[in-house]
Every structure is written in structure tokens, then in C-alpha cells.
């Protein structure tokens, strides 16, 4: 459903457009007030973030060149096939113990 201009009414026939007729001026006022409240809230948040950013910049400046280094990514650790097999074997052993009841308190609760 799109906007349709009717020749006999010289207005849009979409329901949203009908809401903004002078019959309902309070709706437009409420929407405008809500937008202004949201704008003030966002401006307040922006002020707080700018304050925090200035603090971070001041700290970086105080540290000098040591703060300019790039963060180095952590090297991915690789597990050998033998290591992986040992972990699987130990896990199977633990689950077998749990299934058969194992020692006191070792069974499934």
C-alpha cells in the first residue's frame, strides 16, 4: 500500500497522513516533545562520552610513547593430535566412572 493522491480530495489517502490533520494537533505535539526529550538525553550521553574520551587522551599523553604501541593479538595455541587423544581418553574415563557410580558420591544425582 503506497501513497495515493486522490483527485477529488487533493490529499493523500494514507492513514498516517490523516493523523496529522488539524483535528489531531496534540499527536504531533506529543511526538515532537518525545523527539526533543530523546535529543536532550543523547546530547547528555555525548557530553559524558566526550569527558571520558578527554580523560583517556590525557592519560595516553601522560604515558607518552608507550601508549602509542599497537595491541598485539594473542597467538593461537595448537594442540597436537596426541594431546587431544589424551584429553578424550581422560574424559571418557571420567564419564564411565560417573555412569557406573564410581566411588561414594561419584554417581549421577
Protein backbone atom coordinates (compact mmCIF):
# COMPACT_ATOMS: atom_id res chain seq x y z
CA UNK A 1 0.00 0.00 0.00
CA UNK A 2 1.56 3.29 -1.07
CA UNK A 3 0.59 6.90 -1.01
CA UNK A 4 -2.19 7.73 -3.41
CA UNK A 5 -3.23 11.23 -4.34
CA UNK A 6 -6.94 11.30 -4.97
CA UNK A 7 -8.16 13.90 -7.39
CA UNK A 8 -11.42 14.69 -5.61
CA UNK A 9 -9.84 15.26 -2.16
CA UNK A 10 -6.48 16.81 -3.15
CA UNK A 11 -4.85 14.98 -0.22
CA UNK A 12 -3.06 11.74 0.50
CA UNK A 13 -5.29 8.82 1.41
CA UNK A 14 -2.74 7.01 3.56
CA UNK A 15 -3.95 6.58 7.20
CA UNK A 16 -0.75 8.02 8.68
CA UNK A 17 -1.25 11.27 6.78
CA UNK A 18 -4.79 11.57 8.10
CA UNK A 19 -3.46 11.50 11.68
CA UNK A 20 -1.59 14.77 11.10
CA UNK A 21 -4.68 16.72 10.06
CA UNK A 22 -5.54 19.69 12.27
CA UNK A 23 -8.15 17.51 14.01
CA UNK A 24 -5.33 15.82 15.95
CA UNK A 25 -2.75 18.53 16.72
CA UNK A 26 -1.92 17.02 20.12
CA UNK A 27 -0.46 13.91 18.47
CA UNK A 28 2.07 15.97 16.57
CA UNK A 29 2.94 17.91 19.73
CA UNK A 30 3.45 14.69 21.70
CA UNK A 31 5.72 13.27 19.00
CA UNK A 32 7.71 16.48 18.80
CA UNK A 33 8.12 16.60 22.60
CA UNK A 34 9.31 12.97 22.63
CA UNK A 35 11.87 13.67 19.91
CA UNK A 36 13.17 16.70 21.83
CA UNK A 37 13.46 14.66 25.05
CA UNK A 38 15.40 11.97 23.20
CA UNK A 39 17.68 14.62 21.67
CA UNK A 40 18.47 16.08 25.11
CA UNK A 41 19.16 12.60 26.50
CA UNK A 42 21.55 11.81 23.63
CA UNK A 43 23.32 15.16 24.00
CA UNK A 44 23.84 14.43 27.70
CA UNK A 45 25.30 11.00 26.86
CA UNK A 46 27.54 12.59 24.23
CA UNK A 47 28.83 15.05 26.82
CA UNK A 48 29.68 12.22 29.23
CA UNK A 49 31.46 10.26 26.48
CA UNK A 50 33.45 13.32 25.42
CA UNK A 51 34.50 13.82 29.05
CA UNK A 52 35.64 10.18 29.29
CA UNK A 53 37.47 10.46 25.95
CA UNK A 54 39.31 13.54 27.15
CA UNK A 55 40.37 11.61 30.25
CA UNK A 56 41.69 8.73 28.17
CA UNK A 57 43.55 11.13 25.88
CA UNK A 58 45.11 12.87 28.89
CA UNK A 59 46.22 9.53 30.34
CA UNK A 60 47.72 8.49 27.00
CA UNK A 61 49.55 11.79 26.74
CA UNK A 62 50.92 11.36 30.28
CA UNK A 63 52.22 7.89 29.39
CA UNK A 64 53.97 9.25 26.32
CA UNK A 65 55.06 6.97 23.53
CA UNK A 66 54.36 3.80 25.48
CA UNK A 67 50.62 4.35 24.89
CA UNK A 68 51.07 4.52 21.12
CA UNK A 69 52.08 0.91 20.65
CA UNK A 70 49.64 -1.34 18.86
CA UNK A 71 47.95 -4.15 20.70
CA UNK A 72 49.43 -7.43 19.57
CA UNK A 73 46.97 -10.28 19.06
CA UNK A 74 47.35 -13.44 21.09
CA UNK A 75 48.91 -16.29 19.16
CA UNK A 76 46.51 -19.19 18.70
CA UNK A 77 47.53 -22.24 20.67
CA UNK A 78 47.60 -25.50 18.73
CA UNK A 79 47.00 -28.85 20.40
CA UNK A 80 48.74 -31.91 18.98
CA UNK A 81 46.77 -34.98 17.97
CA UNK A 82 48.38 -36.96 20.83
CA UNK A 83 47.39 -34.30 23.34
CA UNK A 84 43.82 -34.19 22.02
CA UNK A 85 43.62 -38.02 22.20
CA UNK A 86 44.81 -37.98 25.83
CA UNK A 87 42.11 -35.44 26.75
CA UNK A 88 39.41 -37.51 25.03
CA UNK A 89 40.60 -40.68 26.79
CA UNK A 90 40.54 -38.97 30.21
CA UNK A 91 37.05 -37.53 29.56
CA UNK A 92 35.71 -40.98 28.59
CA UNK A 93 37.25 -42.46 31.73
CA UNK A 94 35.58 -39.79 33.92
CA UNK A 95 32.16 -40.34 32.30
CA UNK A 96 32.49 -44.13 32.64
CA UNK A 97 33.19 -43.69 36.34
CA UNK A 98 30.13 -41.44 36.73
CA UNK A 99 27.88 -43.87 34.84
CA UNK A 100 28.84 -46.90 36.94
CA UNK A 101 28.53 -44.99 40.23
CA UNK A 102 32.24 -44.73 40.93
CA UNK A 103 33.28 -44.02 44.50
CA UNK A 104 30.95 -42.54 47.08
CA UNK A 105 29.19 -39.53 45.62
CA UNK A 106 30.51 -40.28 42.16
CA UNK A 107 27.16 -41.31 40.64
CA UNK A 108 24.61 -39.16 38.88
CA UNK A 109 22.44 -37.26 41.33
